[in-house]
Amino acid sequence: GLRRPSVKSSDVSRIFLRIKKFFRGLQKVDEKIWVYSPLVLPFHGSRIVQVINDVALRSLLMFFKWRLGFKDALVWSYNPMAFRLAKSLNPCLLVYHSVDDLTGAPRMPREEIEAAEKVMIANADFVFVTSPVLKEKYNHWFPQKLISYFPNVADRAHFQKALSQATVIPQDVQQIRKPLVGFVGAISHYKFDLSLVAGLAKARPEINFVLIGKVGEGDPETDASILELPNIHLIGPKPYDELPNYLKAFDCVIIPSPINAYTKSMFPMKFFEYLAARKVIVSTPLPSLKEFGRAYLEASSVEEFSRALDTALTGKGVDWDYIEEISQSHTWENRTRSMIGVVESQ
């Protein structure tokens, strides 16, 4: 509940889904894993709302802690607003895992988030970040604090299914004429450069662009009408289990992110997912990807993207041995093992 809701139908649907999850109560999802989805009021600038949220969340959490027989609480949070709640648990360990610069996203309470983040980092035993820019930002705030950088990773085994002969290409893309350039992710103004993709589609009418994802995810004000072109196919979000099937159909893939305050601190999750599926990537110059320059093609303008796509569609322009090496090492298992190693080494 960080972003203030809008009156858009997508936000109304999210609210009803959140309420539905709340009424499910405490859910046992595995032998030793329980999940609870609380309700909070997303108006963090209000002191009254803060008090209501704190009291409600703290009461529920303490109740479930008693019910499940928890003794030593270890708090691992992605949300800087969770510090007051975490503190009430008197945790034996507090980990802050920053995966985005939340202050750069639309409709976020920037001042409140930054203030909460500084408090969280100051009190955390360990701080992990997913981009070099976030590491630099936090080191500037707290020069003596150990900030550990671990980029986003992928479920390599899952996305390698795109390479299997047994994987079936879905009907909704089988009908589209090749070459196919694909994208998987949120189609929102602050994450996706609509003008760039529209310009590219106009410049290359012989190429079909298949975009998988929800329009306006995280930014309900997104107007995607510019993408209404004959060779752009908006096919909506698809289940995670089916993504390798779609990736198998693509001849290459793109990460057309605008360069702004949010994306400068973002490490796109799709990067290693694409690589696991052995797809050549053409991306805008995101700072977090610079260290992996041999694994993708970089382009900024429509003209640069067009030239890069010509190379990508041949399967060339990247170092496949290097891609195999980094794809093997950047998995959820390896990252989790490394993070736990940092914690245990202190």
Protein backbone atom coordinates (compact mmCIF):
# COMPACT_ATOMS: atom_id res chain seq x y z
CA GLY A 1 0.00 0.00 0.00
CA LEU A 2 2.66 2.55 -0.93
CA ARG A 3 1.11 4.25 -3.97
CA ARG A 4 -2.00 6.35 -3.50
CA PRO A 5 -4.88 4.62 -5.35
CA SER A 6 -6.63 6.25 -8.27
CA VAL A 7 -10.25 5.90 -9.40
CA LYS A 8 -9.17 3.81 -12.40
CA SER A 9 -10.84 0.41 -12.75
CA SER A 10 -7.45 -1.34 -12.40
CA ASP A 11 -6.91 0.20 -8.95
CA VAL A 12 -10.47 -0.58 -7.88
CA SER A 13 -9.88 -4.20 -8.91
CA ARG A 14 -6.64 -4.29 -6.91
CA ILE A 15 -8.47 -2.96 -3.85
CA PHE A 16 -11.13 -5.67 -4.07
CA LEU A 17 -8.44 -8.33 -4.57
CA ARG A 18 -6.60 -7.05 -1.51
CA ILE A 19 -9.80 -7.17 0.55
CA LYS A 20 -10.46 -10.71 -0.67
CA LYS A 21 -6.97 -11.82 0.41
CA PHE A 22 -7.43 -10.12 3.76
CA PHE A 23 -10.57 -12.10 4.51
CA ARG A 24 -8.78 -15.36 3.73
CA GLY A 25 -6.86 -14.84 6.92
CA LEU A 26 -3.67 -16.69 7.73
CA GLN A 27 -2.78 -19.18 4.98
CA LYS A 28 -0.44 -22.16 5.30
CA VAL A 29 1.30 -22.51 1.93
CA ASP A 30 4.02 -25.00 2.83
CA GLU A 31 5.22 -27.09 5.76
CA LYS A 32 6.82 -24.14 7.54
CA ILE A 33 5.53 -21.18 5.54
CA TRP A 34 2.50 -19.09 6.47
CA VAL A 35 1.27 -16.04 4.56
CA TYR A 36 -0.93 -13.25 5.79
CA SER A 37 -2.13 -10.38 3.57
CA PRO A 38 -3.07 -7.39 5.74
CA LEU A 39 -5.02 -4.29 4.84
CA VAL A 40 -3.41 -0.87 5.18
CA LEU A 41 -4.59 2.61 4.25
CA PRO A 42 -2.21 3.96 1.55
CA PHE A 43 -2.16 7.58 2.76
CA HIS A 44 1.23 7.72 4.44
CA GLY A 45 1.34 11.49 4.67
CA SER A 46 -1.38 11.44 7.32
CA ARG A 47 -0.29 10.99 10.93
CA ILE A 48 -3.72 9.60 11.84
CA VAL A 49 -3.48 6.98 9.07
CA GLN A 50 0.02 6.03 10.25
CA VAL A 51 -1.27 5.42 13.76
CA ILE A 52 -4.24 3.37 12.51
CA ASN A 53 -2.00 1.24 10.28
CA ASP A 54 0.60 0.74 13.00
CA VAL A 55 -1.92 -0.32 15.65
CA ALA A 56 -3.83 -2.64 13.32
CA LEU A 57 -0.76 -4.31 11.83
CA ARG A 58 1.07 -4.62 15.13
CA SER A 59 -1.94 -6.18 16.86
CA LEU A 60 -2.51 -8.72 14.08
CA LEU A 61 1.17 -9.59 13.79
CA MET A 62 1.60 -10.10 17.51
CA PHE A 63 -1.51 -12.30 17.54
CA PHE A 64 -0.19 -14.50 14.70
CA LYS A 65 3.26 -14.60 16.29
CA TRP A 66 1.61 -16.00 19.46
CA ARG A 67 -0.62 -18.39 17.52
CA LEU A 68 2.25 -19.88 15.51
CA GLY A 69 4.62 -20.04 18.46
CA PHE A 70 7.25 -17.72 16.96
CA LYS A 71 10.04 -16.87 19.37
CA ASP A 72 12.91 -15.13 17.57
CA ALA A 73 11.69 -12.87 14.77
CA LEU A 74 13.93 -12.21 11.78
CA VAL A 75 12.53 -9.37 9.68
CA TRP A 76 13.47 -9.22 5.98
CA SER A 77 11.65 -6.33 4.33
CA TYR A 78 11.43 -4.75 0.88
CA ASN A 79 9.24 -1.97 2.24
CA PRO A 80 10.92 0.91 4.12
CA MET A 81 7.58 1.81 5.72
CA ALA A 82 7.74 -1.47 7.65
CA PHE A 83 10.32 -0.29 10.20
CA ARG A 84 7.86 0.75 12.90
CA LEU A 85 6.12 -2.62 12.54
CA ALA A 86 9.42 -4.51 12.52
CA LYS A 87 10.64 -2.69 15.63
CA SER A 88 7.58 -3.84 17.60
CA LEU A 89 8.67 -7.46 17.05
CA ASN A 90 12.03 -6.79 18.69
CA PRO A 91 13.72 -8.78 15.90
CA CYS A 92 16.96 -10.65 16.40
CA LEU A 93 17.91 -9.54 12.88
CA LEU A 94 16.62 -6.80 10.56
CA VAL A 95 17.39 -6.95 6.82
CA TYR A 96 16.39 -4.23 4.37
CA HIS A 97 16.35 -5.46 0.77
CA SER A 98 15.92 -2.49 -1.57
CA VAL A 99 14.86 -3.60 -5.05
CA ASP A 100 13.81 -0.25 -6.56
CA ASP A 101 14.03 3.48 -6.00
CA LEU A 102 10.42 3.80 -4.87
CA THR A 103 10.65 7.59 -4.76
CA GLY A 104 10.98 7.60 -8.56
CA ALA A 105 7.70 5.78 -9.22
CA PRO A 106 4.46 7.65 -9.98
CA ARG A 107 2.01 8.66 -7.25
CA MET A 108 4.38 7.65 -4.47
CA PRO A 109 4.69 9.66 -1.22
CA ARG A 110 8.33 10.52 -1.98
CA GLU A 111 9.22 12.50 1.14
CA GLU A 112 7.65 9.94 3.46
CA ILE A 113 9.40 7.04 1.69
CA GLU A 114 12.82 8.69 1.76
CA ALA A 115 12.50 9.55 5.44
CA ALA A 116 11.37 5.99 6.26
CA GLU A 117 14.19 4.54 4.15
CA LYS A 118 16.83 6.48 6.05
CA VAL A 119 15.45 5.21 9.35
CA MET A 120 15.25 1.64 8.04
CA ILE A 121 18.84 1.67 6.73
CA ALA A 122 20.19 3.28 9.90
CA ASN A 123 18.65 0.51 12.01
CA ALA A 124 19.08 -2.49 9.69
CA ASP A 125 21.69 -5.12 10.47
CA PHE A 126 22.12 -5.79 6.74
CA VAL A 127 21.20 -3.82 3.62
CA PHE A 128 20.98 -5.44 0.19
CA VAL A 129 20.39 -3.56 -3.07
CA THR A 130 19.72 -4.69 -6.64
CA SER A 131 21.54 -1.93 -8.50
CA PRO A 132 24.85 -0.04 -8.26
CA VAL A 133 22.98 3.30 -8.26
CA LEU A 134 21.06 2.33 -5.11
CA LYS A 135 24.31 1.24 -3.48
CA GLU A 136 25.91 4.59 -4.29
CA LYS A 137 22.86 6.48 -2.99
CA TYR A 138 22.78 4.66 0.33
CA ASN A 139 26.56 4.86 0.79
CA HIS A 140 26.25 8.63 0.37
CA TRP A 141 23.66 8.68 3.18
CA PHE A 142 25.57 6.28 5.43
CA PRO A 143 29.30 6.14 4.47
CA GLN A 144 30.13 3.68 7.26
CA LYS A 145 27.27 1.27 6.51
CA LEU A 146 27.92 -2.00 4.67
CA ILE A 147 25.64 -1.99 1.60
CA SER A 148 25.77 -5.26 -0.37
CA TYR A 149 24.90 -5.30 -4.07
CA PHE A 150 23.23 -8.34 -5.62
CA PRO A 151 21.47 -7.87 -9.00
CA ASN A 152 18.10 -9.38 -9.80
CA VAL A 153 18.24 -12.95 -11.03
CA ALA A 154 16.05 -15.54 -12.75
CA ASP A 155 14.59 -18.99 -12.47
CA ARG A 156 16.98 -20.37 -15.07
CA ALA A 157 15.45 -23.85 -15.24
CA HIS A 158 11.98 -22.40 -15.83
CA PHE A 159 12.97 -20.06 -18.66
CA GLN A 160 15.20 -22.64 -20.30
CA LYS A 161 11.97 -24.44 -21.20
CA ALA A 162 11.90 -22.04 -24.16
CA LEU A 163 14.72 -24.15 -25.63
CA SER A 164 12.84 -27.46 -25.40
CA GLN A 165 11.31 -29.07 -28.45
CA ALA A 166 8.40 -30.13 -26.23
CA THR A 167 7.49 -26.51 -25.45
CA VAL A 168 4.49 -25.47 -27.55
CA ILE A 169 4.21 -21.95 -28.97
CA PRO A 170 0.80 -20.47 -27.99
CA GLN A 171 -1.88 -20.05 -30.63
CA ASP A 172 -2.17 -16.26 -30.22
CA VAL A 173 1.38 -15.77 -31.50
CA GLN A 174 1.57 -18.68 -33.93
CA GLN A 175 -0.60 -16.69 -36.32
CA ILE A 176 1.64 -13.59 -36.33
CA ARG A 177 4.07 -13.25 -39.21
CA LYS A 178 7.78 -13.38 -38.39
CA PRO A 179 10.14 -11.86 -37.51
CA LEU A 180 8.79 -11.44 -34.00
CA VAL A 181 10.36 -9.06 -31.50
CA GLY A 182 9.09 -9.66 -27.98
CA PHE A 183 8.73 -7.83 -24.69
CA VAL A 184 7.54 -9.11 -21.30
CA GLY A 185 6.77 -6.70 -18.47
CA ALA A 186 4.78 -3.69 -17.31
CA ILE A 187 3.68 -1.37 -20.11
CA SER A 188 3.68 1.85 -18.11
CA HIS A 189 5.04 5.31 -18.92
CA TYR A 190 7.75 5.32 -16.27
CA LYS A 191 9.07 1.84 -17.19
CA PHE A 192 8.31 1.50 -20.91
CA ASP A 193 9.18 4.05 -23.60
CA LEU A 194 5.97 4.03 -25.64
CA SER A 195 7.21 6.64 -28.12
CA LEU A 196 10.38 4.68 -28.81
CA VAL A 197 8.51 1.44 -29.51
CA ALA A 198 5.85 3.18 -31.62
CA GLY A 199 8.56 4.92 -33.64
CA LEU A 200 10.42 1.66 -34.09
CA ALA A 201 7.27 -0.11 -35.29
CA LYS A 202 6.64 2.65 -37.84
CA ALA A 203 10.25 2.53 -39.05
CA ARG A 204 10.21 -1.26 -39.37
CA PRO A 205 6.73 -2.26 -40.64
CA GLU A 206 8.06 -5.69 -41.70
CA ILE A 207 8.75 -6.60 -38.04
CA ASN A 208 5.95 -7.59 -35.66
CA PHE A 209 6.27 -6.50 -32.03
CA VAL A 210 4.55 -8.68 -29.41
CA LEU A 211 4.10 -7.02 -26.03
CA ILE A 212 3.17 -9.19 -23.06
CA GLY A 213 2.10 -7.35 -19.93
CA LYS A 214 -0.49 -5.15 -18.32
CA VAL A 215 -0.92 -1.62 -19.64
CA GLY A 216 -0.72 0.84 -16.75
CA GLU A 217 0.74 -1.53 -14.15
CA GLY A 218 1.88 0.76 -11.34
CA ASP A 219 0.82 3.81 -13.38
CA PRO A 220 -2.92 3.80 -14.16
CA GLU A 221 -2.62 7.10 -16.05
CA THR A 222 -0.65 5.41 -18.86
CA ASP A 223 -2.15 6.09 -22.30
CA ALA A 224 -1.02 3.37 -24.70
CA SER A 225 -3.03 4.57 -27.71
CA ILE A 226 0.24 5.45 -29.47
CA LEU A 227 0.90 1.69 -29.71
CA GLU A 228 -2.24 1.06 -31.79
CA LEU A 229 -0.33 0.09 -34.93
CA PRO A 230 -0.82 -2.90 -37.25
CA ASN A 231 2.53 -4.47 -36.35
CA ILE A 232 2.26 -3.99 -32.57
CA HIS A 233 0.38 -6.76 -30.77
CA LEU A 234 -0.67 -6.03 -27.18
CA ILE A 235 -1.68 -9.47 -25.94
CA GLY A 236 -2.00 -8.66 -22.24
CA PRO A 237 -0.42 -10.33 -19.21
CA LYS A 238 0.21 -14.08 -19.34
CA PRO A 239 0.65 -16.63 -16.55
CA TYR A 240 4.24 -17.04 -15.38
CA ASP A 241 4.15 -20.73 -16.29
CA GLU A 242 3.45 -19.85 -19.94
CA LEU A 243 6.19 -17.24 -20.44
CA PRO A 244 8.77 -19.73 -21.78
CA ASN A 245 6.24 -20.77 -24.44
CA TYR A 246 5.97 -17.18 -25.64
CA LEU A 247 9.71 -16.56 -25.46
CA LYS A 248 10.24 -19.58 -27.69
CA ALA A 249 8.27 -17.78 -30.41
CA PHE A 250 10.37 -14.60 -30.32
CA ASP A 251 13.31 -14.04 -32.66
CA CYS A 252 14.80 -11.48 -30.27
CA VAL A 253 13.64 -9.36 -27.33
CA ILE A 254 13.76 -5.77 -26.16
CA ILE A 255 14.01 -3.76 -22.92
CA PRO A 256 12.81 -0.30 -24.07
CA SER A 257 12.97 1.52 -20.74
CA PRO A 258 13.03 5.31 -20.63
CA ILE A 259 15.95 6.72 -18.65
CA ASN A 260 14.55 8.43 -15.58
CA ALA A 261 14.98 8.54 -11.79
CA TYR A 262 13.21 5.20 -11.37
CA THR A 263 14.89 3.20 -14.14
CA LYS A 264 18.38 4.48 -13.30
CA SER A 265 18.07 2.47 -10.08
CA MET A 266 16.24 -0.48 -11.63
CA PHE A 267 17.67 -3.86 -12.52
CA PRO A 268 15.14 -5.41 -14.93
CA MET A 269 14.10 -8.86 -13.75
CA LYS A 270 13.52 -9.86 -17.36
CA PHE A 271 17.22 -9.49 -18.25
CA PHE A 272 18.35 -12.88 -16.92
CA GLU A 273 15.01 -14.46 -17.83
CA TYR A 274 15.61 -13.49 -21.46
CA LEU A 275 19.18 -14.78 -21.32
CA ALA A 276 18.08 -18.13 -19.84
CA ALA A 277 15.81 -18.47 -22.89
CA ARG A 278 18.84 -17.72 -25.15
CA LYS A 279 17.37 -14.58 -26.67
CA VAL A 280 19.46 -11.67 -27.94
CA ILE A 281 18.45 -8.52 -26.03
CA VAL A 282 18.35 -4.95 -27.31
CA SER A 283 18.08 -2.53 -24.40
CA THR A 284 18.22 1.16 -23.69
CA PRO A 285 21.35 2.22 -21.70
CA LEU A 286 20.30 1.24 -18.18
CA PRO A 287 23.10 1.84 -15.64
CA SER A 288 22.51 -1.50 -13.90
CA LEU A 289 23.21 -3.46 -17.09
CA LYS A 290 26.55 -1.78 -17.92
CA GLU A 291 28.64 -4.49 -16.24
CA PHE A 292 27.01 -7.12 -18.50
CA GLY A 293 27.74 -5.25 -21.74
CA ARG A 294 28.89 -8.39 -23.60
CA ALA A 295 25.48 -10.01 -23.04
CA TYR A 296 23.21 -7.54 -24.86
CA LEU A 297 23.05 -4.83 -27.51
CA GLU A 298 22.56 -1.25 -26.37
CA ALA A 299 20.55 1.38 -28.24
CA SER A 300 18.94 4.73 -27.41
CA SER A 301 17.14 6.10 -30.46
CA VAL A 302 14.79 4.59 -33.03
CA GLU A 303 17.65 4.52 -35.53
CA GLU A 304 20.03 2.76 -33.12
CA PHE A 305 17.36 0.26 -32.11
CA SER A 306 16.60 -0.47 -35.75
CA ARG A 307 20.26 -1.22 -36.52
CA ALA A 308 20.63 -3.29 -33.36
CA LEU A 309 17.54 -5.34 -34.24
CA ASP A 310 19.12 -6.25 -37.58
CA THR A 311 22.05 -7.73 -35.66
CA ALA A 312 19.88 -9.31 -32.96
CA LEU A 313 17.66 -11.08 -35.49
CA THR A 314 20.73 -12.90 -36.81
CA GLY A 315 21.56 -14.15 -33.29
CA LYS A 316 24.86 -12.26 -33.36
CA GLY A 317 26.41 -9.30 -31.59
CA VAL A 318 26.71 -10.91 -28.15
CA ASP A 319 29.16 -13.27 -26.44
CA TRP A 320 27.25 -16.53 -26.00
CA ASP A 321 29.95 -18.19 -23.86
CA TYR A 322 29.82 -15.22 -21.51
CA ILE A 323 26.01 -15.33 -21.47
CA GLU A 324 26.07 -18.99 -20.50
CA GLU A 325 28.49 -18.22 -17.67
CA ILE A 326 26.48 -15.37 -16.14
CA SER A 327 23.17 -17.13 -16.74
CA GLN A 328 24.34 -20.10 -14.70
CA SER A 329 25.55 -17.95 -11.82
CA HIS A 330 22.63 -15.48 -11.60
CA THR A 331 19.88 -17.71 -10.22
CA TRP A 332 17.61 -17.41 -7.19
CA GLU A 333 19.43 -20.25 -5.47
CA ASN A 334 22.87 -18.69 -5.92
CA ARG A 335 21.76 -15.22 -4.88
CA THR A 336 19.98 -16.48 -1.77
CA ARG A 337 23.03 -18.55 -0.84
CA SER A 338 25.26 -15.49 -1.27
CA MET A 339 22.99 -13.25 0.80
CA ILE A 340 22.79 -15.78 3.62
CA GLY A 341 26.59 -16.05 3.41
CA VAL A 342 26.89 -12.30 4.03
CA VAL A 343 24.56 -12.56 7.03
CA GLU A 344 26.37 -15.56 8.51
CA SER A 345 29.82 -14.07 8.00
CA GLN A 346 29.15 -11.15 10.37
